[in-house]
């Protein structure tokens, strides 16, 4: 059987690496199946996609989808189904937590809830044997006729038994490679999809698992021996969860691998000794989730009780060690006020990040804040029909309008443009700065 994964752009060219398909693809290849990846850019129609798909001649189409990708993915797959009949399976956060609505779409046959390696293999085995896939046939797999969600099998154990990612399915260039050391995250952030997986697997098995140091280093050595390892992007949601586990890995990484890398971390999981070890091992870039400048809002609503002082210290410690530091912010969250948003701007000035991302809040189905929005009446009944963009809010708040949120989005945009000019526009003429800024706007998709 041949699986063709479709990576479907939405809003702009998709920037996330397709780790899920790369793991699933590597896993099913072990059992003799073929796997390929096709990119569906923003300007490709369903008709054009069908022509390209037929050239690949797959037996099944597949995608890993977030809620932000869902709207266009649904349109593409429904358009494909109008032209050709081929089985379609989708997984990832959105199909996991909105499986009933997903399989109700005419262009989608199966939704995979949770981890996809073993379920995908079972689907391929059944299709190859000509066996029907019905409700209850395969754990984790929901079909359109399913009255309830499927049984969920145990999390894959041990992670070391998984093959390394199929890197031919990833868009990796110039020796930059992606690597995950773990699955799951113990933190209860209310806006995030990851805690939902902990709830999905509650009573079944521990979703939080780590690879062994030996397994991680073996993958890195394999890349290095291929002559193409110059930078590593660690994909873990929080790379610094377990310092006692991390320290010996960093020491071996420094001594055996020695190439620069970037991570995501929480400010309340780092301290000067750990950051010094990270820097000595080659860490050149850390992204910290800040989300809001209001300590009260972070603690009470987001369940991220780190103080502003902890955030400021973490940013300054990281800067002082020569690392690039990125901050991520969210705007327009439930119960957030203009005063809270002003506090975010104030904290931003104190943090002085090298760069920052800013995103209008979207209530991901299954998260705690999704239910807050639903119960408070903020969520429109047709929310699944509305575009989930990084710029526009779909929520109806009584005290914070969509126009208010858009105004703050524009203010963050202006700050980021100014930051970019300060870093790269010094010494340029006004015309050169204008050209530089236009390039930046196009690359950031905020123009």
Protein backbone atom coordinates (compact mmCIF):
# COMPACT_ATOMS: atom_id res chain seq x y z
CA UNK A 1 0.00 0.00 0.00
CA UNK A 2 1.13 3.55 -0.71
CA UNK A 3 0.33 6.41 1.67
CA UNK A 4 0.45 9.95 0.33
CA UNK A 5 0.55 12.57 3.06
CA UNK A 6 -0.80 15.98 2.10
CA UNK A 7 0.75 18.95 3.88
CA UNK A 8 -1.92 21.62 3.46
CA UNK A 9 -0.98 25.29 3.80
CA UNK A 10 -3.44 27.66 5.41
CA UNK A 11 -3.24 31.44 5.93
CA UNK A 12 0.39 31.35 4.76
CA UNK A 13 3.03 28.78 3.86
CA UNK A 14 2.94 26.35 6.76
CA UNK A 15 6.00 26.68 8.99
CA UNK A 16 5.57 23.61 11.21
CA UNK A 17 7.64 20.54 10.42
CA UNK A 18 5.54 17.44 9.67
CA UNK A 19 6.90 15.34 12.54
CA UNK A 20 3.76 13.20 12.89
CA UNK A 21 3.71 11.99 9.28
CA UNK A 22 7.50 11.50 9.40
CA UNK A 23 7.19 9.15 12.39
CA UNK A 24 4.16 7.33 10.99
CA UNK A 25 5.78 7.04 7.58
CA UNK A 26 8.94 5.52 9.04
CA UNK A 27 6.88 3.11 11.14
CA UNK A 28 4.72 1.71 8.32
CA UNK A 29 7.70 1.46 5.97
CA UNK A 30 9.05 -1.21 8.32
CA UNK A 31 6.10 -3.34 7.24
CA UNK A 32 6.60 -2.93 3.52
CA UNK A 33 4.36 0.07 2.79
CA UNK A 34 5.34 3.03 0.63
CA UNK A 35 5.11 6.61 1.87
CA UNK A 36 5.38 9.99 0.15
CA UNK A 37 4.63 13.63 0.96
CA UNK A 38 2.91 16.25 -1.20
CA UNK A 39 2.76 19.94 -0.39
CA UNK A 40 -0.54 21.73 -1.10
CA UNK A 41 0.33 25.45 -1.39
CA UNK A 42 -2.18 28.22 -0.90
CA UNK A 43 -2.78 28.74 -4.62
CA UNK A 44 -3.43 25.06 -5.43
CA UNK A 45 -7.03 24.08 -6.10
CA UNK A 46 -8.60 20.69 -5.45
CA UNK A 47 -8.61 20.06 -9.20
CA UNK A 48 -4.88 20.74 -9.41
CA UNK A 49 -4.29 18.60 -6.32
CA UNK A 50 -6.10 15.67 -7.94
CA UNK A 51 -3.85 15.83 -11.03
CA UNK A 52 -0.76 15.76 -8.80
CA UNK A 53 -2.21 12.98 -6.63
CA UNK A 54 -2.98 10.77 -9.63
CA UNK A 55 0.64 11.06 -10.73
CA UNK A 56 1.69 9.63 -7.35
CA UNK A 57 -0.93 6.85 -7.61
CA UNK A 58 -1.45 6.35 -3.84
CA UNK A 59 -3.81 3.89 -2.15
CA UNK A 60 -4.73 6.30 0.65
CA UNK A 61 -4.37 10.00 1.44
CA UNK A 62 -3.47 11.25 4.91
CA UNK A 63 -2.92 14.51 6.79
CA UNK A 64 -2.03 15.64 10.29
CA UNK A 65 -4.20 18.66 11.09
CA UNK A 66 -4.38 21.42 13.65
CA UNK A 67 -7.56 23.44 14.12
CA UNK A 68 -6.00 26.30 12.18
CA UNK A 69 -5.49 23.97 9.20
CA UNK A 70 -8.91 22.37 9.38
CA UNK A 71 -10.94 24.85 7.30
CA UNK A 72 -8.82 24.63 4.17
CA UNK A 73 -8.08 20.92 4.63
CA UNK A 74 -11.82 20.18 4.73
CA UNK A 75 -12.36 22.20 1.56
CA UNK A 76 -9.48 20.49 -0.25
CA UNK A 77 -10.53 16.97 0.73
CA UNK A 78 -14.20 17.55 -0.09
CA UNK A 79 -13.12 18.92 -3.48
CA UNK A 80 -10.92 15.87 -4.09
CA UNK A 81 -13.81 13.52 -3.22
CA UNK A 82 -15.95 15.22 -5.86
CA UNK A 83 -13.41 14.20 -8.49
CA UNK A 84 -11.90 10.88 -7.39
CA UNK A 85 -12.66 8.19 -4.84
CA UNK A 86 -9.71 7.33 -2.63
CA UNK A 87 -9.66 6.59 1.12
CA UNK A 88 -8.70 9.54 3.34
CA UNK A 89 -7.49 9.43 6.93
CA UNK A 90 -6.66 12.47 9.05
CA UNK A 91 -5.10 12.72 12.49
CA UNK A 92 -3.49 15.30 14.73
CA UNK A 93 -5.00 17.58 17.39
CA UNK A 94 -8.14 18.66 15.54
CA UNK A 95 -9.36 15.21 14.42
CA UNK A 96 -8.48 13.85 17.86
CA UNK A 97 -10.77 16.26 19.69
CA UNK A 98 -13.46 16.96 17.07
CA UNK A 99 -13.59 13.49 15.52
CA UNK A 100 -17.38 13.35 15.09
CA UNK A 101 -17.47 16.53 12.99
CA UNK A 102 -14.36 15.52 11.05
CA UNK A 103 -15.68 12.15 9.85
CA UNK A 104 -19.03 13.76 9.01
CA UNK A 105 -17.30 15.50 6.09
CA UNK A 106 -17.91 13.70 2.76
CA UNK A 107 -14.25 13.88 1.79
CA UNK A 108 -12.90 12.18 4.94
CA UNK A 109 -13.31 8.51 5.78
CA UNK A 110 -11.33 8.00 8.99
CA UNK A 111 -10.16 10.10 11.92
CA UNK A 112 -7.26 8.90 14.04
CA UNK A 113 -7.44 9.90 17.69
CA UNK A 114 -4.14 10.17 19.55
CA UNK A 115 -0.91 8.57 18.38
CA UNK A 116 -0.99 7.36 14.81
CA UNK A 117 1.77 4.82 14.20
CA UNK A 118 0.02 1.56 15.17
CA UNK A 119 -3.49 2.70 14.08
CA UNK A 120 -2.22 3.66 10.61
CA UNK A 121 -0.57 0.27 10.21
CA UNK A 122 -3.84 -1.44 11.17
CA UNK A 123 -5.75 0.68 8.64
CA UNK A 124 -3.31 -0.22 5.87
CA UNK A 125 -3.43 -3.91 6.80
CA UNK A 126 -7.23 -3.90 6.66
CA UNK A 127 -7.41 -2.02 3.36
CA UNK A 128 -4.80 -4.28 1.79
CA UNK A 129 -6.78 -7.36 2.85
CA UNK A 130 -10.05 -5.86 1.60
CA UNK A 131 -11.52 -5.92 5.12
CA UNK A 132 -14.13 -3.30 6.05
CA UNK A 133 -13.16 -0.72 8.67
CA UNK A 134 -16.21 -0.18 10.84
CA UNK A 135 -16.93 1.22 14.28
CA UNK A 136 -14.86 -0.66 16.83
CA UNK A 137 -12.76 -2.47 14.23
CA UNK A 138 -9.51 -0.59 14.97
CA UNK A 139 -8.67 1.19 18.24
CA UNK A 140 -8.11 4.95 17.83
CA UNK A 141 -9.92 4.99 14.45
CA UNK A 142 -13.32 6.66 14.06
CA UNK A 143 -15.48 6.24 10.95
CA UNK A 144 -18.51 8.22 9.83
CA UNK A 145 -20.92 5.60 11.18
CA UNK A 146 -19.35 5.62 14.67
CA UNK A 147 -21.93 6.57 17.33
CA UNK A 148 -19.15 7.21 19.86
CA UNK A 149 -15.42 7.80 19.95
CA UNK A 150 -13.28 4.68 19.51
CA UNK A 151 -11.39 2.77 22.15
CA UNK A 152 -7.90 4.22 22.68
CA UNK A 153 -4.95 1.84 22.80
CA UNK A 154 -1.98 2.24 25.15
CA UNK A 155 0.62 4.90 24.29
CA UNK A 156 3.49 3.51 22.26
CA UNK A 157 6.20 2.13 24.55
CA UNK A 158 9.14 2.42 24.58
CA UNK A 159 9.76 5.41 22.33
CA UNK A 160 13.19 3.97 21.51
CA UNK A 161 11.40 1.21 19.57
CA UNK A 162 10.13 3.75 17.05
CA UNK A 163 12.25 4.17 13.92
CA UNK A 164 13.83 7.56 13.37
CA UNK A 165 11.70 10.06 11.46
CA UNK A 166 11.46 9.57 7.68
CA UNK A 167 13.38 12.71 6.82
CA UNK A 168 12.53 12.55 3.14
CA UNK A 169 9.02 13.59 4.24
CA UNK A 170 10.35 16.69 6.01
CA UNK A 171 11.33 19.99 4.47
CA UNK A 172 14.86 20.23 5.89
CA UNK A 173 17.57 22.21 4.18
CA UNK A 174 21.22 23.21 4.62
CA UNK A 175 21.92 20.68 7.36
CA UNK A 176 19.16 21.94 9.67
CA UNK A 177 17.35 18.99 11.24
CA UNK A 178 14.46 18.55 13.68
CA UNK A 179 14.43 16.15 16.59
CA UNK A 180 12.07 15.27 19.44
CA UNK A 181 13.34 13.80 22.71
CA UNK A 182 9.93 13.17 24.29
CA UNK A 183 6.18 13.01 23.91
CA UNK A 184 3.77 14.75 26.21
CA UNK A 185 4.10 17.62 28.66
CA UNK A 186 3.12 17.67 32.36
CA UNK A 187 2.01 21.31 32.52
CA UNK A 188 -1.72 22.18 32.60
CA UNK A 189 -1.75 25.27 30.33
CA UNK A 190 -5.42 25.87 29.58
CA UNK A 191 -4.97 27.08 25.98
CA UNK A 192 -2.77 24.19 24.87
CA UNK A 193 -3.75 20.93 23.18
CA UNK A 194 -1.04 18.87 24.87
CA UNK A 195 -2.81 18.46 28.26
CA UNK A 196 -5.79 17.11 26.31
CA UNK A 197 -3.70 14.12 25.30
CA UNK A 198 -2.97 13.45 28.97
CA UNK A 199 -6.73 13.40 29.56
CA UNK A 200 -7.33 11.24 26.47
CA UNK A 201 -4.93 8.60 27.79
CA UNK A 202 -5.90 8.92 31.46
CA UNK A 203 -6.34 5.45 32.91
CA UNK A 204 -4.78 3.87 29.82
CA UNK A 205 -1.12 4.76 30.11
CA UNK A 206 1.33 7.57 30.72
CA UNK A 207 1.40 9.86 27.71
CA UNK A 208 4.51 11.63 28.98
CA UNK A 209 7.48 9.55 27.77
CA UNK A 210 11.11 10.21 26.99
CA UNK A 211 13.61 8.63 24.66
CA UNK A 212 16.88 7.36 26.09
CA UNK A 213 20.03 9.41 25.76
CA UNK A 214 21.55 6.62 23.67
CA UNK A 215 18.64 6.61 21.22
CA UNK A 216 18.70 10.39 20.78
CA UNK A 217 22.44 10.48 20.27
CA UNK A 218 22.30 7.57 17.84
CA UNK A 219 19.92 9.54 15.62
CA UNK A 220 22.18 12.58 15.79
CA UNK A 221 25.27 10.50 15.01
CA UNK A 222 23.42 8.98 12.04
CA UNK A 223 22.73 12.45 10.66
CA UNK A 224 26.28 13.54 11.34
CA UNK A 225 27.75 10.50 9.61
CA UNK A 226 25.64 11.33 6.56
CA UNK A 227 27.58 14.60 6.42
CA UNK A 228 24.57 16.86 6.84
CA UNK A 229 24.17 18.07 10.42
CA UNK A 230 24.86 21.73 11.05
CA UNK A 231 21.97 22.81 13.29
CA UNK A 232 19.33 21.03 15.40
CA UNK A 233 15.84 22.30 16.21
CA UNK A 234 14.47 20.41 19.19
CA UNK A 235 10.70 20.05 18.83
CA UNK A 236 9.82 19.38 22.48
CA UNK A 237 7.15 21.70 23.87
CA UNK A 238 9.34 22.18 26.95
CA UNK A 239 12.88 20.91 26.47
CA UNK A 240 13.84 21.75 30.07
CA UNK A 241 11.16 19.77 31.95
CA UNK A 242 13.53 17.35 33.71
CA UNK A 243 16.93 18.99 34.44
CA UNK A 244 18.38 15.85 36.05
CA UNK A 245 17.62 13.88 32.86
CA UNK A 246 18.73 16.73 30.62
CA UNK A 247 22.14 17.52 32.13
CA UNK A 248 23.93 14.28 31.15
CA UNK A 249 22.35 14.49 27.67
CA UNK A 250 23.68 18.02 27.21
CA UNK A 251 27.14 16.99 28.37
CA UNK A 252 27.24 14.14 25.87
CA UNK A 253 25.75 16.35 23.15
CA UNK A 254 28.48 18.93 23.75
CA UNK A 255 31.24 16.32 23.62
CA UNK A 256 29.90 14.04 20.86
CA UNK A 257 27.79 16.26 18.56
CA UNK A 258 28.83 19.86 19.10
CA UNK A 259 26.57 21.62 16.60
CA UNK A 260 24.35 24.59 17.57
CA UNK A 261 20.69 24.05 18.42
CA UNK A 262 17.47 25.77 19.50
CA UNK A 263 14.82 24.85 22.08
CA UNK A 264 11.49 25.83 23.64
CA UNK A 265 11.53 26.33 27.41
CA UNK A 266 9.49 27.69 30.30
CA UNK A 267 10.98 30.49 32.35
CA UNK A 268 10.24 28.64 35.59
CA UNK A 269 12.24 25.58 34.49
CA UNK A 270 15.59 27.33 33.94
CA UNK A 271 18.29 28.78 36.18
CA UNK A 272 21.81 30.12 35.55
CA UNK A 273 23.64 26.76 35.90
CA UNK A 274 21.25 25.01 33.48
CA UNK A 275 21.40 27.89 31.00
CA UNK A 276 25.19 27.90 31.21
CA UNK A 277 25.21 24.18 30.41
CA UNK A 278 22.79 24.74 27.53
CA UNK A 279 25.00 27.50 26.13
CA UNK A 280 28.18 25.44 26.49
CA UNK A 281 26.46 22.51 24.72
CA UNK A 282 25.62 24.74 21.76
CA UNK A 283 22.20 26.28 22.47
CA UNK A 284 21.95 29.42 20.39
CA UNK A 285 18.23 30.17 20.56
CA UNK A 286 15.52 29.78 23.19
CA UNK A 287 11.81 30.48 22.71
CA UNK A 288 9.89 31.23 25.89
CA UNK A 289 6.10 31.27 26.10
CA UNK A 290 5.04 34.49 27.83
CA UNK A 291 1.45 34.69 26.54
CA UNK A 292 0.33 37.58 28.81
CA UNK A 293 2.05 40.35 30.73
CA UNK A 294 -0.52 40.07 33.52
CA UNK A 295 0.70 37.79 36.31
CA UNK A 296 -2.85 37.46 37.64
CA UNK A 297 -4.18 36.42 34.24
CA UNK A 298 -1.36 33.95 33.63
CA UNK A 299 -1.81 32.35 37.04
CA UNK A 300 -5.59 32.28 37.33
CA UNK A 301 -6.69 31.73 33.73
CA UNK A 302 -3.76 30.23 31.83
CA UNK A 303 -2.47 28.16 34.80
CA UNK A 304 1.06 29.45 34.19
CA UNK A 305 2.02 30.83 37.60
CA UNK A 306 5.52 32.08 36.75
CA UNK A 307 6.04 35.66 37.87
CA UNK A 308 7.08 38.60 35.72
CA UNK A 309 10.35 38.62 37.68
CA UNK A 310 11.00 34.99 36.69
CA UNK A 311 10.36 35.82 33.05
CA UNK A 312 12.60 38.88 33.08
CA UNK A 313 15.42 36.97 34.78
CA UNK A 314 15.19 34.07 32.33
CA UNK A 315 15.32 36.42 29.33
CA UNK A 316 18.23 38.42 30.72
CA UNK A 317 20.20 35.34 31.80
CA UNK A 318 19.76 33.86 28.32
CA UNK A 319 20.78 37.13 26.63
CA UNK A 320 23.84 37.45 28.83
CA UNK A 321 25.00 34.02 27.71
CA UNK A 322 24.85 35.12 24.07
CA UNK A 323 21.68 33.27 23.13
CA UNK A 324 18.95 34.64 20.87
CA UNK A 325 15.69 34.83 22.80
CA UNK A 326 12.18 34.79 21.32
CA UNK A 327 9.00 35.63 23.25
CA UNK A 328 5.56 34.36 22.28
CA UNK A 329 2.44 36.35 23.16
CA UNK A 330 -1.30 35.77 22.75
CA UNK A 331 -3.92 38.47 22.31
CA UNK A 332 -7.67 38.45 22.86
CA UNK A 333 -8.00 35.61 25.36
CA UNK A 334 -11.25 35.04 27.30
CA UNK A 335 -11.61 37.45 30.20
CA UNK A 336 -8.62 39.49 29.04
CA UNK A 337 -8.95 43.26 29.27
CA UNK A 338 -7.28 46.21 27.59
CA UNK A 339 -5.38 46.70 30.84
CA UNK A 340 -4.04 43.14 30.57
CA UNK A 341 -2.93 43.79 27.00
CA UNK A 342 -1.20 46.98 28.09
CA UNK A 343 0.64 44.95 30.73
CA UNK A 344 1.84 42.62 27.98
CA UNK A 345 3.30 45.59 26.12
CA UNK A 346 4.96 46.83 29.32
CA UNK A 347 6.44 43.40 30.09
CA UNK A 348 7.67 43.15 26.49
CA UNK A 349 9.75 46.28 27.03
CA UNK A 350 11.27 44.77 30.16
CA UNK A 351 12.04 41.44 28.46
CA UNK A 352 13.75 42.98 25.42
CA UNK A 353 13.53 39.77 23.35
CA UNK A 354 15.61 39.35 20.23
CA UNK A 355 12.36 38.62 18.39
CA UNK A 356 8.78 37.79 19.29
CA UNK A 357 5.68 36.11 17.95
CA UNK A 358 2.15 37.31 18.63
CA UNK A 359 -1.03 35.45 17.86
CA UNK A 360 -4.71 36.19 18.27
CA UNK A 361 -6.17 33.55 20.57
CA UNK A 362 -8.14 30.73 18.99
CA UNK A 363 -10.04 28.28 21.23
CA UNK A 364 -8.71 24.86 20.26
CA UNK A 365 -11.43 22.24 20.73
CA UNK A 366 -10.86 20.08 23.78
CA UNK A 367 -8.80 22.65 25.67
CA UNK A 368 -10.09 24.11 28.93
CA UNK A 369 -10.33 27.58 27.43
CA UNK A 370 -12.45 26.20 24.59
CA UNK A 371 -15.04 25.10 27.15
CA UNK A 372 -14.77 28.44 28.95
CA UNK A 373 -15.57 30.22 25.68
CA UNK A 374 -18.38 27.80 24.88
CA UNK A 375 -20.04 28.02 28.29
CA UNK A 376 -19.73 31.81 28.44
CA UNK A 377 -21.34 32.22 25.03
CA UNK A 378 -18.22 33.71 23.43
CA UNK A 379 -18.01 30.99 20.79
CA UNK A 380 -20.22 31.41 17.68
CA UNK A 381 -22.33 28.31 16.91
CA UNK A 382 -20.70 28.09 13.46
CA UNK A 383 -17.15 28.32 14.82
CA UNK A 384 -16.01 25.31 12.78
CA UNK A 385 -17.02 27.16 9.61
CA UNK A 386 -14.97 30.26 10.47
CA UNK A 387 -11.33 30.76 9.48
CA UNK A 388 -8.87 30.13 12.31
CA UNK A 389 -6.22 32.74 11.53
CA UNK A 390 -3.44 34.21 13.65
CA UNK A 391 -4.78 37.73 13.10
CA UNK A 392 -8.54 37.80 13.62
CA UNK A 393 -10.65 36.74 16.59
CA UNK A 394 -13.79 34.68 16.00
CA UNK A 395 -15.00 35.21 19.59
CA UNK A 396 -17.70 37.58 20.81
CA UNK A 397 -16.59 39.14 24.09
CA UNK A 398 -18.74 41.63 26.02
CA UNK A 399 -15.83 43.90 26.99
CA UNK A 400 -13.18 43.38 24.33
CA UNK A 401 -14.23 43.77 20.71
CA UNK A 402 -12.66 42.23 17.64
CA UNK A 403 -11.65 45.78 16.67
CA UNK A 404 -9.89 46.23 20.03
CA UNK A 405 -7.95 43.00 19.49
CA UNK A 406 -7.05 44.02 15.94
CA UNK A 407 -5.75 47.35 17.23
CA UNK A 408 -3.41 45.60 19.66
CA UNK A 409 -2.34 43.20 16.93
CA UNK A 410 -1.36 46.22 14.83
CA UNK A 411 0.58 47.68 17.76
CA UNK A 412 2.58 44.47 18.12
CA UNK A 413 3.15 44.47 14.37
CA UNK A 414 4.57 47.99 14.54
CA UNK A 415 6.81 47.03 17.46
CA UNK A 416 8.17 44.04 15.55
CA UNK A 417 8.82 46.13 12.47
CA UNK A 418 10.69 48.69 14.58
CA UNK A 419 12.69 45.91 16.22
CA UNK A 420 13.62 44.52 12.81
CA UNK A 421 14.76 47.91 11.55
CA UNK A 422 16.83 48.49 14.69
CA UNK A 423 18.60 45.17 14.20
CA UNK A 424 19.12 45.23 10.44
CA UNK A 425 18.39 48.73 9.17
CA UNK A 426 21.15 50.72 10.82
CA UNK A 427 23.13 52.73 8.28
CA UNK A 428 20.63 52.20 5.46
CA UNK A 429 18.94 54.99 3.56
CA UNK A 430 15.21 55.58 3.96
CA UNK A 431 14.58 53.87 0.64
CA UNK A 432 16.70 50.87 1.64
CA UNK A 433 14.91 50.64 4.98
CA UNK A 434 11.56 50.70 3.19
CA UNK A 435 12.68 47.83 0.94
CA UNK A 436 14.00 45.91 3.94
CA UNK A 437 10.73 46.40 5.79
CA UNK A 438 8.71 45.24 2.79
CA UNK A 439 10.80 42.06 2.59
CA UNK A 440 10.20 41.52 6.30
CA UNK A 441 6.44 41.98 5.94
CA UNK A 442 6.27 39.48 3.13
CA UNK A 443 8.36 36.91 4.98
CA UNK A 444 6.33 37.37 8.16
CA UNK A 445 3.02 37.41 6.26
CA UNK A 446 1.87 40.47 8.17
CA UNK A 447 1.89 43.05 5.39
